[in-house]
């Protein structure tokens, strides 16, 4: 065995240039299926098979390290509005991922324009390497003549998707015009007929609830009060009802688990409950380049008297009259006040339920308008959801956040001064130099290990190594390579701390210093600096900054040098 090891070592030492990747990429694999994959065994297109193939591909690449797996199951490739893809792009923007690996271009996207924009504009701008394994495409190998092939494949994928879209759209429109129901879930109060899934029949469990909703609305009861009435009586919302019946896999949470005023509003406008099949309320056509669009009522596909009505036409018409009257009153009272920018949109959350709070415009009888952030779960469900009464006025919120920014800006200026003094210390420079030297030596070790590993097959081919010895040594070199990559990643992160984070030009310090010239909180400031704002009571808040933990860590490191 000693002779064998010496042979492998000599082979490595004899290499003129040991293999050493110029850069190790932080890679993420991305898999996608249009139709939801229910763990289909033996399917080459399944999510599990895509993941397995891509992970194995990254594993054998010397210049890649797997740092993430993202899968969109049951998501179309004709646009990029996919949950896991959006999460992947967030990781890219945070510089945690700089290489994306997919099975082929069609798994990435079938929209020719958008796919090309990502490959030609966004990824090069962000410094992201893109690999489509089965298509043999790798942006690191630029100038290989594959650009034309990729463009043609993207175009073919796009045309294929548009052709399928056109055929499906035409088929569905024919069914709509015939009065056949084509939705995935029937309207609340109905079931799909077991004899014909395109026909609706009353649901004996929920039809009475629908009739009660219309009766109360016809009597002038407000939509939020009706929602509270249903919640207080523990009647499951439509989403919860579908989940309890096993039609939906994911249990609804927060506001989605209860009745809301908006649900009541939409239900009482729906002609389906008067026995008329009303479809085509939204429309999207890939072949025509039409995104998801809400259609005007005049453009709905309505076929009259297609199924058993739950309410009379007279009751339905009365409810429409009441709703229009209420809408007109609200429009007269609030419409004269211009809409202002919602600076804190999406950032204000309820401390109890964690749901995002909504900005509500209230106009007093005296004629003054005021915006307030309220918890919709509490407002529409006074019992049973665990939320206490809490709200905050927009003027008070702006003042509190602006005051908090002033305090944090002063802290940032002190930290900037501390970092300037820290960088002048000899200990700081010595740590930087020692870290750079550790990286240099580690890369040398990686190169030697790669060379030894490359020499193994030659030794096995000329029978210097047995198969068992070859496999054993290869596993050992693979283990060392993985350990080296992990250590290099940690060292590179530490290097970034010293070069960027422990710098007076730290991104958060720069961002806070910009606030000194502002006289109020702007949308840009809020999005950049605030993670979220918890409302804990009446005009009581807790601001969670994007940078707070990092500032604390930097101060501790600076003091310790």
Protein backbone atom coordinates (compact mmCIF):
# COMPACT_ATOMS: atom_id res chain seq x y z
CA UNK A 1 0.00 0.00 0.00
CA UNK A 2 2.91 2.33 0.68
CA UNK A 3 4.11 1.91 -2.92
CA UNK A 4 0.63 2.74 -4.18
CA UNK A 5 0.35 5.92 -2.13
CA UNK A 6 3.81 7.00 -3.30
CA UNK A 7 2.77 6.47 -6.91
CA UNK A 8 -0.29 8.66 -6.43
CA UNK A 9 1.70 11.33 -4.63
CA UNK A 10 4.43 11.33 -7.28
CA UNK A 11 1.81 11.69 -9.97
CA UNK A 12 0.52 14.79 -8.21
CA UNK A 13 4.00 16.24 -7.72
CA UNK A 14 4.87 15.62 -11.34
CA UNK A 15 1.95 17.74 -12.57
CA UNK A 16 3.27 21.05 -13.85
CA UNK A 17 0.13 23.00 -12.90
CA UNK A 18 -2.00 21.41 -10.13
CA UNK A 19 -5.68 22.03 -10.83
CA UNK A 20 -6.97 24.90 -8.76
CA UNK A 21 -10.21 26.66 -9.63
CA UNK A 22 -9.87 30.40 -9.99
CA UNK A 23 -13.16 30.80 -8.15
CA UNK A 24 -15.53 28.58 -6.24
CA UNK A 25 -19.13 29.50 -7.02
CA UNK A 26 -21.94 29.45 -4.47
CA UNK A 27 -24.36 27.37 -6.55
CA UNK A 28 -28.10 26.85 -6.27
CA UNK A 29 -30.06 24.25 -8.22
CA UNK A 30 -33.51 25.18 -9.52
CA UNK A 31 -36.18 22.65 -10.51
CA UNK A 32 -39.68 23.29 -11.86
CA UNK A 33 -42.76 21.40 -13.00
CA UNK A 34 -45.91 22.95 -14.47
CA UNK A 35 -48.20 20.20 -13.17
CA UNK A 36 -47.94 19.45 -9.46
CA UNK A 37 -45.68 16.45 -8.85
CA UNK A 38 -47.15 14.00 -6.35
CA UNK A 39 -43.93 12.02 -5.88
CA UNK A 40 -44.29 10.19 -9.18
CA UNK A 41 -41.82 7.32 -9.25
CA UNK A 42 -39.74 6.72 -12.35
CA UNK A 43 -40.70 10.00 -14.02
CA UNK A 44 -37.67 11.70 -15.55
CA UNK A 45 -39.39 15.08 -15.29
CA UNK A 46 -40.33 14.72 -11.61
CA UNK A 47 -39.10 17.27 -9.09
CA UNK A 48 -37.19 14.57 -7.18
CA UNK A 49 -35.38 13.40 -10.31
CA UNK A 50 -34.47 16.95 -11.34
CA UNK A 51 -33.10 17.67 -7.86
CA UNK A 52 -31.11 14.43 -7.77
CA UNK A 53 -29.55 15.00 -11.19
CA UNK A 54 -28.63 18.62 -10.50
CA UNK A 55 -27.21 17.94 -7.04
CA UNK A 56 -25.02 15.17 -8.46
CA UNK A 57 -23.87 17.52 -11.24
CA UNK A 58 -22.82 20.24 -8.78
CA UNK A 59 -21.16 17.68 -6.51
CA UNK A 60 -18.56 16.72 -9.14
CA UNK A 61 -17.76 20.30 -10.19
CA UNK A 62 -14.52 21.48 -8.58
CA UNK A 63 -15.50 25.15 -8.96
CA UNK A 64 -18.99 24.85 -7.42
CA UNK A 65 -20.34 24.46 -3.91
CA UNK A 66 -24.02 23.63 -3.38
CA UNK A 67 -25.59 26.33 -1.22
CA UNK A 68 -29.29 26.00 -2.01
CA UNK A 69 -32.08 23.93 -3.59
CA UNK A 70 -35.19 25.70 -4.92
CA UNK A 71 -38.20 23.87 -6.40
CA UNK A 72 -41.41 25.27 -7.87
CA UNK A 73 -43.93 22.43 -7.97
CA UNK A 74 -47.01 23.05 -10.10
CA UNK A 75 -45.86 26.47 -11.39
CA UNK A 76 -46.03 27.63 -15.02
CA UNK A 77 -42.88 28.47 -16.94
CA UNK A 78 -44.56 31.22 -18.96
CA UNK A 79 -43.76 33.85 -16.34
CA UNK A 80 -41.38 34.26 -13.41
CA UNK A 81 -43.97 34.90 -10.69
CA UNK A 82 -43.07 31.72 -8.82
CA UNK A 83 -42.54 31.54 -5.03
CA UNK A 84 -39.28 29.58 -5.00
CA UNK A 85 -37.82 31.43 -7.98
CA UNK A 86 -38.50 34.74 -6.23
CA UNK A 87 -36.82 33.38 -3.08
CA UNK A 88 -33.85 32.30 -5.19
CA UNK A 89 -33.54 35.80 -6.68
CA UNK A 90 -33.60 37.27 -3.16
CA UNK A 91 -30.60 35.10 -2.28
CA UNK A 92 -28.88 36.26 -5.49
CA UNK A 93 -29.50 39.93 -4.62
CA UNK A 94 -28.07 39.33 -1.15
CA UNK A 95 -24.93 37.93 -2.85
CA UNK A 96 -25.38 34.53 -1.22
CA UNK A 97 -25.82 32.76 -4.58
CA UNK A 98 -23.72 33.51 -7.68
CA UNK A 99 -24.41 30.42 -9.81
CA UNK A 100 -27.74 28.91 -10.90
CA UNK A 101 -27.95 25.36 -12.30
CA UNK A 102 -31.07 24.02 -14.10
CA UNK A 103 -31.85 20.81 -15.98
CA UNK A 104 -32.57 22.63 -19.25
CA UNK A 105 -33.74 26.03 -20.44
CA UNK A 106 -37.41 25.04 -20.51
CA UNK A 107 -37.30 24.31 -16.74
CA UNK A 108 -36.01 27.85 -16.18
CA UNK A 109 -38.68 29.53 -18.32
CA UNK A 110 -40.69 29.32 -21.53
CA UNK A 111 -41.13 33.05 -22.09
CA UNK A 112 -38.64 34.03 -24.82
CA UNK A 113 -38.40 37.72 -23.91
CA UNK A 114 -38.18 37.33 -20.11
CA UNK A 115 -35.81 34.34 -20.26
CA UNK A 116 -33.52 36.22 -22.64
CA UNK A 117 -33.63 39.28 -20.39
CA UNK A 118 -32.46 37.22 -17.40
CA UNK A 119 -29.69 35.49 -19.36
CA UNK A 120 -28.45 38.54 -21.26
CA UNK A 121 -29.07 41.42 -18.83
CA UNK A 122 -29.89 40.55 -15.22
CA UNK A 123 -27.48 37.67 -14.57
CA UNK A 124 -24.44 39.34 -16.21
CA UNK A 125 -25.19 42.54 -14.26
CA UNK A 126 -25.35 40.61 -10.97
CA UNK A 127 -22.29 38.51 -11.85
CA UNK A 128 -24.30 35.26 -11.81
CA UNK A 129 -23.14 32.18 -13.67
CA UNK A 130 -25.97 30.22 -15.33
CA UNK A 131 -25.78 26.54 -16.32
CA UNK A 132 -28.40 24.51 -18.24
CA UNK A 133 -26.99 20.97 -17.95
CA UNK A 134 -28.83 19.07 -20.69
CA UNK A 135 -28.46 21.97 -23.13
CA UNK A 136 -24.70 22.15 -22.55
CA UNK A 137 -24.99 25.85 -21.79
CA UNK A 138 -22.68 27.58 -19.31
CA UNK A 139 -22.27 31.37 -19.26
CA UNK A 140 -18.76 30.94 -17.83
CA UNK A 141 -17.76 29.46 -21.20
CA UNK A 142 -18.66 32.58 -23.18
CA UNK A 143 -17.87 32.82 -26.86
CA UNK A 144 -18.40 29.09 -27.41
CA UNK A 145 -20.95 29.75 -30.15
CA UNK A 146 -23.84 28.50 -28.02
CA UNK A 147 -25.59 31.89 -27.81
CA UNK A 148 -27.47 31.34 -31.08
CA UNK A 149 -28.49 27.81 -30.05
CA UNK A 150 -29.77 29.11 -26.70
CA UNK A 151 -31.76 31.88 -28.39
CA UNK A 152 -33.34 29.36 -30.76
CA UNK A 153 -34.22 26.98 -27.89
CA UNK A 154 -35.75 29.83 -25.92
CA UNK A 155 -37.80 30.82 -28.96
CA UNK A 156 -38.96 27.21 -29.51
CA UNK A 157 -39.93 26.89 -25.83
CA UNK A 158 -41.85 30.18 -26.05
CA UNK A 159 -43.69 29.17 -29.24
CA UNK A 160 -44.54 25.76 -27.78
CA UNK A 161 -46.02 27.37 -24.64
CA UNK A 162 -48.01 29.87 -26.73
CA UNK A 163 -49.36 27.13 -28.99
CA UNK A 164 -50.53 25.10 -25.99
CA UNK A 165 -51.99 28.25 -24.42
CA UNK A 166 -53.96 29.08 -27.58
CA UNK A 167 -55.46 25.58 -27.79
CA UNK A 168 -56.37 25.46 -24.10
CA UNK A 169 -57.87 28.97 -24.17
CA UNK A 170 -60.03 28.14 -27.20
CA UNK A 171 -61.25 24.91 -25.56
CA UNK A 172 -62.14 26.64 -22.28
CA UNK A 173 -63.97 29.48 -24.04
CA UNK A 174 -66.16 26.95 -25.84
CA UNK A 175 -67.05 25.32 -22.52
CA UNK A 176 -67.80 28.73 -20.97
CA UNK A 177 -70.15 29.67 -23.81
CA UNK A 178 -71.99 26.38 -23.35
CA UNK A 179 -72.51 27.20 -19.67
CA UNK A 180 -70.19 24.48 -18.38
CA UNK A 181 -68.33 25.14 -15.13
CA UNK A 182 -64.53 25.01 -15.67
CA UNK A 183 -63.17 26.17 -12.30
CA UNK A 184 -61.02 24.05 -9.96
CA UNK A 185 -63.32 24.70 -6.98
CA UNK A 186 -67.05 25.39 -7.16
CA UNK A 187 -68.40 28.59 -5.58
CA UNK A 188 -69.08 28.32 -1.85
CA UNK A 189 -72.56 26.87 -1.48
CA UNK A 190 -72.26 24.53 -4.48
CA UNK A 191 -70.70 21.17 -5.35
CA UNK A 192 -69.65 19.69 -8.66
CA UNK A 193 -72.20 17.15 -9.80
CA UNK A 194 -70.88 13.58 -9.43
CA UNK A 195 -72.46 12.80 -12.81
CA UNK A 196 -70.91 15.76 -14.66
CA UNK A 197 -68.07 17.83 -13.15
CA UNK A 198 -69.05 20.77 -15.38
CA UNK A 199 -72.47 21.02 -13.68
CA UNK A 200 -73.19 22.60 -10.26
CA UNK A 201 -75.57 21.33 -7.58
CA UNK A 202 -76.36 22.91 -4.17
CA UNK A 203 -74.15 21.90 -1.24
CA UNK A 204 -76.55 20.89 1.57
CA UNK A 205 -73.96 21.90 4.21
CA UNK A 206 -73.32 25.47 3.03
CA UNK A 207 -76.29 26.56 0.89
CA UNK A 208 -78.12 27.86 4.00
CA UNK A 209 -75.08 30.01 4.91
CA UNK A 210 -75.19 31.66 1.47
CA UNK A 211 -78.91 32.40 1.85
CA UNK A 212 -78.29 33.97 5.29
CA UNK A 213 -75.52 36.19 3.86
CA UNK A 214 -77.81 37.52 1.12
CA UNK A 215 -80.70 38.02 3.56
CA UNK A 216 -78.59 40.10 5.96
CA UNK A 217 -77.07 42.13 3.13
CA UNK A 218 -80.52 42.87 1.70
CA UNK A 219 -81.55 44.15 5.13
CA UNK A 220 -78.69 46.68 4.97
CA UNK A 221 -76.16 44.90 7.22
CA UNK A 222 -72.55 45.91 6.44
CA UNK A 223 -70.15 43.38 4.91
CA UNK A 224 -67.74 43.51 7.89
CA UNK A 225 -70.58 42.97 10.34
CA UNK A 226 -71.75 39.92 8.36
CA UNK A 227 -68.18 38.55 8.43
CA UNK A 228 -68.03 39.02 12.21
CA UNK A 229 -71.43 37.30 12.57
CA UNK A 230 -70.15 34.22 10.71
CA UNK A 231 -66.83 34.13 12.59
CA UNK A 232 -68.50 34.42 15.98
CA UNK A 233 -70.66 31.41 15.14
CA UNK A 234 -67.56 29.39 14.18
CA UNK A 235 -68.76 28.84 10.61
CA UNK A 236 -65.71 27.81 8.52
CA UNK A 237 -64.67 30.28 5.84
CA UNK A 238 -64.68 29.03 2.21
CA UNK A 239 -60.92 28.30 2.28
CA UNK A 240 -61.16 26.51 5.63
CA UNK A 241 -64.22 24.57 4.45
CA UNK A 242 -62.36 23.31 1.36
CA UNK A 243 -59.42 22.31 3.57
CA UNK A 244 -61.64 20.45 6.06
CA UNK A 245 -63.24 18.57 3.17
CA UNK A 246 -59.80 17.55 1.87
CA UNK A 247 -60.01 19.60 -1.33
CA UNK A 248 -57.07 21.79 -0.35
CA UNK A 249 -53.85 20.43 1.11
CA UNK A 250 -52.56 23.54 2.88
CA UNK A 251 -54.41 24.73 5.95
CA UNK A 252 -55.28 28.45 5.68
CA UNK A 253 -53.80 30.71 8.34
CA UNK A 254 -54.43 34.18 9.74
CA UNK A 255 -56.85 36.29 7.71
CA UNK A 256 -57.20 33.49 5.17
CA UNK A 257 -58.71 31.22 7.82
CA UNK A 258 -61.67 33.47 8.65
CA UNK A 259 -64.51 35.28 6.96
CA UNK A 260 -63.60 38.76 5.71
CA UNK A 261 -65.71 41.66 4.50
CA UNK A 262 -64.16 41.46 1.04
CA UNK A 263 -65.30 37.83 0.72
CA UNK A 264 -68.88 38.86 1.51
CA UNK A 265 -68.65 41.68 -1.02
CA UNK A 266 -67.52 39.35 -3.83
CA UNK A 267 -70.06 36.66 -2.98
CA UNK A 268 -73.02 39.02 -2.99
CA UNK A 269 -72.00 40.28 -6.45
CA UNK A 270 -71.81 36.79 -7.96
CA UNK A 271 -74.73 35.91 -10.34
CA UNK A 272 -73.93 32.20 -9.83
CA UNK A 273 -76.11 32.24 -6.71
CA UNK A 274 -79.12 33.34 -8.79
CA UNK A 275 -78.63 30.30 -11.07
CA UNK A 276 -76.55 31.91 -13.83
CA UNK A 277 -73.13 30.60 -14.89
CA UNK A 278 -70.85 33.67 -14.76
CA UNK A 279 -67.24 32.99 -15.75
CA UNK A 280 -64.36 34.78 -17.47
CA UNK A 281 -64.09 37.40 -14.71
CA UNK A 282 -60.33 37.31 -15.16
CA UNK A 283 -58.49 36.46 -18.33
CA UNK A 284 -54.93 35.64 -19.25
CA UNK A 285 -53.64 34.63 -22.66
CA UNK A 286 -50.02 33.78 -23.34
CA UNK A 287 -50.65 33.51 -27.07
CA UNK A 288 -52.04 37.08 -27.15
CA UNK A 289 -49.47 38.42 -24.69
CA UNK A 290 -52.23 39.29 -22.19
CA UNK A 291 -51.24 39.12 -18.49
CA UNK A 292 -53.76 38.26 -15.76
CA UNK A 293 -56.44 40.90 -16.33
CA UNK A 294 -59.65 41.65 -14.43
CA UNK A 295 -62.41 41.88 -17.03
CA UNK A 296 -65.23 44.42 -17.02
CA UNK A 297 -68.61 42.98 -16.03
CA UNK A 298 -69.87 43.52 -19.58
CA UNK A 299 -67.16 41.12 -20.85
CA UNK A 300 -68.00 38.21 -18.52
CA UNK A 301 -69.22 34.97 -20.07
CA UNK A 302 -72.75 34.69 -18.58
CA UNK A 303 -75.14 31.87 -19.47
CA UNK A 304 -78.53 32.16 -17.75
CA UNK A 305 -80.44 29.47 -15.86
CA UNK A 306 -77.78 26.76 -15.99
CA UNK A 307 -78.18 25.35 -12.47
CA UNK A 308 -80.38 25.48 -9.38
CA UNK A 309 -80.39 28.95 -7.79
CA UNK A 310 -79.75 29.36 -4.06
CA UNK A 311 -81.57 32.72 -3.93
CA UNK A 312 -84.29 34.37 -5.99
CA UNK A 313 -83.53 36.86 -8.74
CA UNK A 314 -85.47 39.49 -6.78
CA UNK A 315 -83.29 39.03 -3.68
CA UNK A 316 -80.13 39.18 -5.80
CA UNK A 317 -81.26 42.43 -7.45
CA UNK A 318 -82.14 43.97 -4.08
CA UNK A 319 -78.65 43.18 -2.74
CA UNK A 320 -77.06 44.85 -5.78
CA UNK A 321 -79.17 47.96 -5.13
CA UNK A 322 -78.12 48.10 -1.45
CA UNK A 323 -74.43 47.64 -2.35
CA UNK A 324 -74.55 50.37 -5.00
CA UNK A 325 -76.22 52.76 -2.55
CA UNK A 326 -73.54 52.11 0.09
CA UNK A 327 -70.78 52.52 -2.48
CA UNK A 328 -72.18 55.83 -3.66
CA UNK A 329 -72.40 57.15 -0.09
CA UNK A 330 -68.78 56.14 0.58
CA UNK A 331 -67.62 57.68 -2.69
CA UNK A 332 -69.29 61.00 -1.89
CA UNK A 333 -67.77 61.05 1.58
CA UNK A 334 -64.21 59.94 0.77
CA UNK A 335 -63.69 60.50 -2.93
CA UNK A 336 -62.90 64.20 -2.61
CA UNK A 337 -59.73 63.45 -0.62
CA UNK A 338 -56.69 62.62 -2.77
CA UNK A 339 -54.88 59.30 -2.15
CA UNK A 340 -51.43 59.71 -0.55
CA UNK A 341 -48.41 57.41 -0.80
CA UNK A 342 -48.39 54.51 1.64
CA UNK A 343 -44.80 54.85 2.85
CA UNK A 344 -45.01 51.81 5.17
CA UNK A 345 -46.88 49.46 2.81
CA UNK A 346 -46.16 45.82 3.72
CA UNK A 347 -43.95 46.73 6.70
CA UNK A 348 -46.51 47.15 9.50
CA UNK A 349 -47.57 43.89 11.19
CA UNK A 350 -49.84 42.90 14.08
CA UNK A 351 -47.84 41.73 17.10
CA UNK A 352 -50.51 39.12 17.93
CA UNK A 353 -51.28 37.32 14.66
CA UNK A 354 -48.28 38.47 12.57
CA UNK A 355 -50.48 39.54 9.65
CA UNK A 356 -49.69 42.70 7.71
CA UNK A 357 -51.86 45.58 8.85
CA UNK A 358 -53.88 47.57 6.34
CA UNK A 359 -53.98 51.35 5.95
CA UNK A 360 -57.54 52.51 6.45
CA UNK A 361 -58.84 55.95 5.43
CA UNK A 362 -61.43 57.35 7.79
CA UNK A 363 -63.37 60.53 7.12
CA UNK A 364 -65.01 62.11 10.14
CA UNK A 365 -68.40 63.79 10.06
CA UNK A 366 -66.52 67.08 10.42
CA UNK A 367 -64.94 66.36 7.02
CA UNK A 368 -61.35 65.57 7.98
CA UNK A 369 -59.52 62.56 6.52
CA UNK A 370 -57.08 60.46 8.52
CA UNK A 371 -55.14 57.29 7.74
CA UNK A 372 -54.76 54.59 10.38
CA UNK A 373 -53.12 51.15 10.31
CA UNK A 374 -55.46 48.47 11.66
CA UNK A 375 -55.35 44.69 12.08
CA UNK A 376 -57.88 43.25 9.66
CA UNK A 377 -58.08 39.96 11.56
CA UNK A 378 -59.19 41.81 14.71
CA UNK A 379 -61.43 44.27 12.86
CA UNK A 380 -63.41 41.54 11.10
CA UNK A 381 -63.40 38.93 13.84
CA UNK A 382 -63.94 40.32 17.32
CA UNK A 383 -63.69 36.90 18.93
CA UNK A 384 -61.76 33.69 18.54
CA UNK A 385 -58.53 34.67 16.75
CA UNK A 386 -56.52 35.91 19.73
CA UNK A 387 -55.89 39.44 18.44
CA UNK A 388 -56.33 42.38 20.81
CA UNK A 389 -57.40 45.85 19.72
CA UNK A 390 -54.44 47.75 18.33
CA UNK A 391 -53.88 50.48 15.75
CA UNK A 392 -51.61 53.41 15.02
CA UNK A 393 -52.24 56.61 13.11
CA UNK A 394 -50.05 57.26 10.09
CA UNK A 395 -48.84 60.69 11.35
CA UNK A 396 -47.85 59.19 14.71
CA UNK A 397 -46.11 56.29 12.97
CA UNK A 398 -44.10 58.60 10.70
CA UNK A 399 -43.03 60.72 13.64
CA UNK A 400 -41.97 57.68 15.71
CA UNK A 401 -40.00 56.09 12.86
CA UNK A 402 -38.30 59.39 11.95
CA UNK A 403 -37.28 59.88 15.59
CA UNK A 404 -35.92 56.32 15.63
CA UNK A 405 -33.94 56.97 12.45
CA UNK A 406 -32.34 60.05 14.00
CA UNK A 407 -31.17 57.96 16.96
CA UNK A 408 -29.83 55.20 14.69
CA UNK A 409 -28.07 57.75 12.46
CA UNK A 410 -26.21 59.17 15.46
CA UNK A 411 -25.21 55.62 16.42
CA UNK A 412 -24.02 55.01 12.84
CA UNK A 413 -21.80 58.12 12.95
CA UNK A 414 -20.23 56.91 16.20
CA UNK A 415 -19.70 53.46 14.68
CA UNK A 416 -18.13 55.04 11.59
CA UNK A 417 -15.63 56.85 13.79
CA UNK A 418 -14.92 53.62 15.72
CA UNK A 419 -14.26 51.72 12.48
CA UNK A 420 -11.88 54.43 11.21
CA UNK A 421 -9.85 54.13 14.39
CA UNK A 422 -10.02 50.31 14.27
CA UNK A 423 -8.63 50.16 10.72
CA UNK A 424 -5.63 52.20 11.81
CA UNK A 425 -4.68 49.66 14.47
CA UNK A 426 -1.81 47.31 13.68
CA UNK A 427 -3.85 44.38 15.04
CA UNK A 428 -6.53 44.94 12.41
CA UNK A 429 -4.01 44.94 9.56
CA UNK A 430 -2.27 41.85 10.95
CA UNK A 431 -5.57 39.95 11.09
CA UNK A 432 -6.31 40.89 7.47
CA UNK A 433 -2.84 39.75 6.36
CA UNK A 434 -3.08 36.52 8.35
CA UNK A 435 -6.49 35.80 6.83
CA UNK A 436 -5.21 36.40 3.29
CA UNK A 437 -2.30 34.05 3.96
CA UNK A 438 -4.65 31.33 5.25
CA UNK A 439 -6.70 31.64 2.06
CA UNK A 440 -3.56 31.40 -0.10
CA UNK A 441 -2.29 28.28 1.68
CA UNK A 442 -5.72 26.65 1.61
CA UNK A 443 -5.98 27.16 -2.15
CA UNK A 444 -2.57 25.52 -2.53
CA UNK A 445 -3.82 22.52 -0.53
CA UNK A 446 -6.94 22.39 -2.71
CA UNK A 447 -4.81 22.39 -5.85
CA UNK A 448 -2.58 19.57 -4.60
CA UNK A 449 -5.56 17.51 -3.52
CA UNK A 450 -7.19 17.98 -6.94
CA UNK A 451 -3.98 16.93 -8.70
CA UNK A 452 -3.64 13.79 -6.57
CA UNK A 453 -7.27 12.92 -7.26
CA UNK A 454 -6.76 13.42 -11.01
CA UNK A 455 -3.74 11.10 -10.96
CA UNK A 456 -5.67 8.25 -9.36
CA UNK A 457 -7.42 7.12 -12.53
CA UNK A 458 -4.12 6.90 -14.40
CA UNK A 459 -2.72 4.72 -11.61
CA UNK A 460 -5.83 2.54 -11.75
CA UNK A 461 -5.60 2.26 -15.54
CA UNK A 462 -1.99 1.02 -15.50
CA UNK A 463 -2.90 -1.43 -12.69
CA UNK A 464 -0.74 0.28 -10.08
CA UNK A 465 -3.92 0.57 -7.99
CA UNK A 466 -6.54 -2.10 -7.45
CA UNK A 467 -10.19 -1.14 -7.86
CA UNK A 468 -10.70 -1.22 -4.09
CA UNK A 469 -7.65 1.01 -3.50
CA UNK A 470 -8.82 3.39 -6.24
CA UNK A 471 -12.30 3.75 -4.74
CA UNK A 472 -10.95 4.17 -1.21
CA UNK A 473 -8.41 6.87 -2.18
CA UNK A 474 -10.93 8.68 -4.37
CA UNK A 475 -13.39 8.83 -1.48
CA UNK A 476 -10.67 10.23 0.78
CA UNK A 477 -9.68 12.93 -1.74
CA UNK A 478 -13.38 13.77 -2.27
CA UNK A 479 -13.83 14.09 1.49
CA UNK A 480 -10.83 16.44 1.70
CA UNK A 481 -12.10 18.48 -1.27
CA UNK A 482 -15.48 18.97 0.44
CA UNK A 483 -13.78 19.98 3.70
CA UNK A 484 -11.51 22.42 1.83
CA UNK A 485 -14.47 24.00 0.02
CA UNK A 486 -16.34 24.45 3.28
CA UNK A 487 -13.32 26.02 4.98
CA UNK A 488 -12.66 28.29 1.99
CA UNK A 489 -16.28 29.50 2.06
CA UNK A 490 -15.95 30.35 5.75
CA UNK A 491 -12.66 32.18 5.17
CA UNK A 492 -14.11 34.14 2.24
CA UNK A 493 -17.02 35.23 4.44
CA UNK A 494 -14.55 36.29 7.12
CA UNK A 495 -12.55 38.19 4.49
CA UNK A 496 -15.72 40.01 3.44
CA UNK A 497 -16.31 41.02 7.06
CA UNK A 498 -12.91 42.70 7.23
CA UNK A 499 -13.03 44.26 3.75
CA UNK A 500 -16.66 45.45 3.63
CA UNK A 501 -18.50 45.01 6.92
CA UNK A 502 -15.72 46.35 9.16
CA UNK A 503 -15.44 49.44 6.98
CA UNK A 504 -16.56 53.05 7.51
CA UNK A 505 -18.18 52.65 4.06
CA UNK A 506 -20.44 49.86 5.38
CA UNK A 507 -23.69 49.82 3.35
CA UNK A 508 -25.87 50.42 6.43
CA UNK A 509 -23.76 53.35 7.61
CA UNK A 510 -24.00 54.90 4.13
CA UNK A 511 -27.77 54.33 4.05
CA UNK A 512 -28.32 55.94 7.46
CA UNK A 513 -26.10 58.92 6.65
CA UNK A 514 -28.33 59.68 3.66
CA UNK A 515 -31.23 60.17 6.09
CA UNK A 516 -29.61 63.26 7.66
CA UNK A 517 -30.81 65.47 4.80
CA UNK A 518 -34.41 64.19 4.86
CA UNK A 519 -37.15 65.97 6.79
CA UNK A 520 -39.55 63.01 6.93
CA UNK A 521 -39.58 59.27 6.29
CA UNK A 522 -39.62 58.34 2.58
CA UNK A 523 -40.67 55.06 1.00
CA UNK A 524 -37.09 54.41 -0.13
CA UNK A 525 -35.74 54.86 3.41
CA UNK A 526 -38.41 52.62 4.90
CA UNK A 527 -37.82 49.73 2.48
CA UNK A 528 -34.03 49.91 2.76
CA UNK A 529 -33.71 50.23 6.53
CA UNK A 530 -36.76 48.61 8.12
CA UNK A 531 -37.42 44.86 8.28
CA UNK A 532 -40.86 45.33 9.85
CA UNK A 533 -42.76 47.36 12.45
CA UNK A 534 -44.74 45.51 15.12
CA UNK A 535 -47.81 47.27 16.46
CA UNK A 536 -48.21 46.04 20.04
CA UNK A 537 -51.08 48.27 21.23
CA UNK A 538 -52.77 51.59 20.70
CA UNK A 539 -50.05 53.82 19.13
CA UNK A 540 -47.40 51.44 20.53
CA UNK A 541 -44.78 50.05 18.14
CA UNK A 542 -41.55 48.10 17.99
CA UNK A 543 -39.24 48.81 15.04
CA UNK A 544 -37.12 45.92 13.77
CA UNK A 545 -34.23 47.37 11.73
CA UNK A 546 -32.46 45.52 8.93
CA UNK A 547 -29.03 46.37 10.34
CA UNK A 548 -29.34 46.28 14.14
CA UNK A 549 -27.82 42.84 14.75
CA UNK A 550 -24.97 43.60 12.35
CA UNK A 551 -24.15 46.86 14.12
CA UNK A 552 -23.95 45.06 17.47
CA UNK A 553 -21.64 42.41 16.00
CA UNK A 554 -19.38 45.00 14.38
CA UNK A 555 -19.04 46.92 17.65
CA UNK A 556 -18.10 43.75 19.52
CA UNK A 557 -15.49 42.84 16.91
CA UNK A 558 -14.03 46.36 16.80
CA UNK A 559 -13.69 46.54 20.57
CA UNK A 560 -11.99 43.14 20.62
CA UNK A 561 -9.24 44.15 18.17
